Amino acid sequence: MNASTTITKRLRIHGRVQGVYFRESMCQKAAQLGVTGWVRNLRDGTLEATIQGTEEAVRHMLEWAKRGPEMAGVTDMEVTESSGSYAEFERRDTA
């Protein structure tokens, strides 16, 4: 796999991830890295996201998501393979 190959990952982020500007911060980071996909809060207090981009960009996004914004407290992050095609990165409503 080379750096220009597009990969897609699904994230489930646990901890203090709602009400701490996580979704908006993730949108900003995705724009910086050229990553597409989406992010939303789930009713159980976790955060779900799909990220798509080059291997390098996705790797950087995953590293960022392990910490999140300053006020967040990430305790766990599940990462699985995903699919789809996304033109931009969007913040979605709670599922």
Protein backbone atom coordinates (compact mmCIF):
# COMPACT_ATOMS: atom_id res chain seq x y z
CA MET A 1 0.00 0.00 0.00
CA ASN A 2 1.45 3.37 -0.91
CA ALA A 3 0.82 6.83 0.51
CA SER A 4 -1.71 7.73 -2.19
CA THR A 5 -3.94 4.71 -1.56
CA THR A 6 -7.27 5.73 -0.04
CA ILE A 7 -8.26 3.87 3.12
CA THR A 8 -11.38 4.10 5.27
CA LYS A 9 -11.66 3.43 9.00
CA ARG A 10 -14.61 3.42 11.42
CA LEU A 11 -13.90 4.75 14.91
CA ARG A 12 -15.77 4.36 18.19
CA ILE A 13 -14.28 6.69 20.80
CA HIS A 14 -14.99 6.27 24.52
CA GLY A 15 -14.44 8.59 27.47
CA ARG A 16 -15.23 12.27 27.99
CA VAL A 17 -15.91 12.94 24.30
CA GLN A 18 -19.25 14.76 24.27
CA GLY A 19 -19.69 18.41 25.22
CA VAL A 20 -15.95 19.06 24.85
CA TYR A 21 -15.87 20.41 21.28
CA PHE A 22 -14.69 17.01 19.95
CA ARG A 23 -16.81 16.90 16.80
CA GLU A 24 -15.96 20.44 15.70
CA SER A 25 -12.28 19.93 16.51
CA MET A 26 -12.30 16.71 14.50
CA CYS A 27 -13.81 18.56 11.53
CA GLN A 28 -11.03 21.14 11.72
CA LYS A 29 -8.31 18.47 11.96
CA ALA A 30 -9.82 16.57 9.02
CA ALA A 31 -9.73 19.76 6.93
CA GLN A 32 -6.05 20.27 7.81
CA LEU A 33 -5.19 16.69 6.82
CA GLY A 34 -7.44 16.40 3.76
CA VAL A 35 -9.48 13.62 5.39
CA THR A 36 -13.14 13.05 4.46
CA GLY A 37 -15.94 11.24 6.29
CA TRP A 38 -18.15 12.15 9.23
CA VAL A 39 -18.43 12.26 13.02
CA ARG A 40 -21.43 12.06 15.39
CA ASN A 41 -22.30 11.57 19.05
CA LEU A 42 -24.05 8.38 20.06
CA ARG A 43 -26.71 8.20 22.75
CA ASP A 44 -24.52 5.97 24.94
CA GLY A 45 -22.02 8.81 25.40
CA THR A 46 -19.49 7.60 22.86
CA LEU A 47 -18.51 9.20 19.59
CA GLU A 48 -18.57 7.47 16.20
CA ALA A 49 -16.65 8.54 13.11
CA THR A 50 -15.70 7.33 9.67
CA ILE A 51 -12.47 8.73 8.29
CA GLN A 52 -11.15 8.36 4.75
CA GLY A 53 -7.96 9.53 3.14
CA THR A 54 -4.41 8.56 2.33
CA GLU A 55 -2.73 6.08 4.63
CA GLU A 56 -0.58 8.86 6.09
CA ALA A 57 -3.49 11.27 6.62
CA VAL A 58 -5.62 8.57 8.27
CA ARG A 59 -2.70 7.59 10.52
CA HIS A 60 -2.34 11.22 11.65
CA MET A 61 -6.10 11.48 12.22
CA LEU A 62 -6.08 8.30 14.33
CA GLU A 63 -3.21 9.66 16.45
CA TRP A 64 -5.13 12.90 16.99
CA ALA A 65 -8.38 11.04 17.84
CA LYS A 66 -6.61 9.08 20.61
CA ARG A 67 -6.25 12.42 22.45
CA GLY A 68 -8.93 14.66 20.96
CA PRO A 69 -9.27 18.33 21.85
CA GLU A 70 -7.89 19.79 25.07
CA MET A 71 -10.99 19.20 27.23
CA ALA A 72 -11.56 15.61 26.06
CA GLY A 73 -10.61 12.51 28.03
CA VAL A 74 -10.35 9.57 25.63
CA THR A 75 -10.25 6.25 27.49
CA ASP A 76 -10.56 3.83 24.57
CA MET A 77 -10.83 3.85 20.78
CA GLU A 78 -12.01 0.96 18.63
CA VAL A 79 -10.86 1.05 14.99
CA THR A 80 -12.32 -1.19 12.29
CA GLU A 81 -12.17 -1.29 8.51
CA SER A 82 -14.96 0.56 6.71
CA SER A 83 -16.01 1.52 3.20
CA GLY A 84 -17.91 4.20 1.35
CA SER A 85 -17.02 7.33 -0.54
CA TYR A 86 -17.04 10.76 1.07
CA ALA A 87 -16.55 14.13 -0.62
CA GLU A 88 -16.05 16.13 2.59
CA PHE A 89 -15.90 15.74 6.36
CA GLU A 90 -19.16 16.51 8.13
CA ARG A 91 -20.49 16.75 11.65
CA ARG A 92 -23.67 14.70 11.91
CA ASP A 93 -26.48 14.85 14.45
CA THR A 94 -26.61 12.41 17.34
CA ALA A 95 -27.63 8.89 16.35
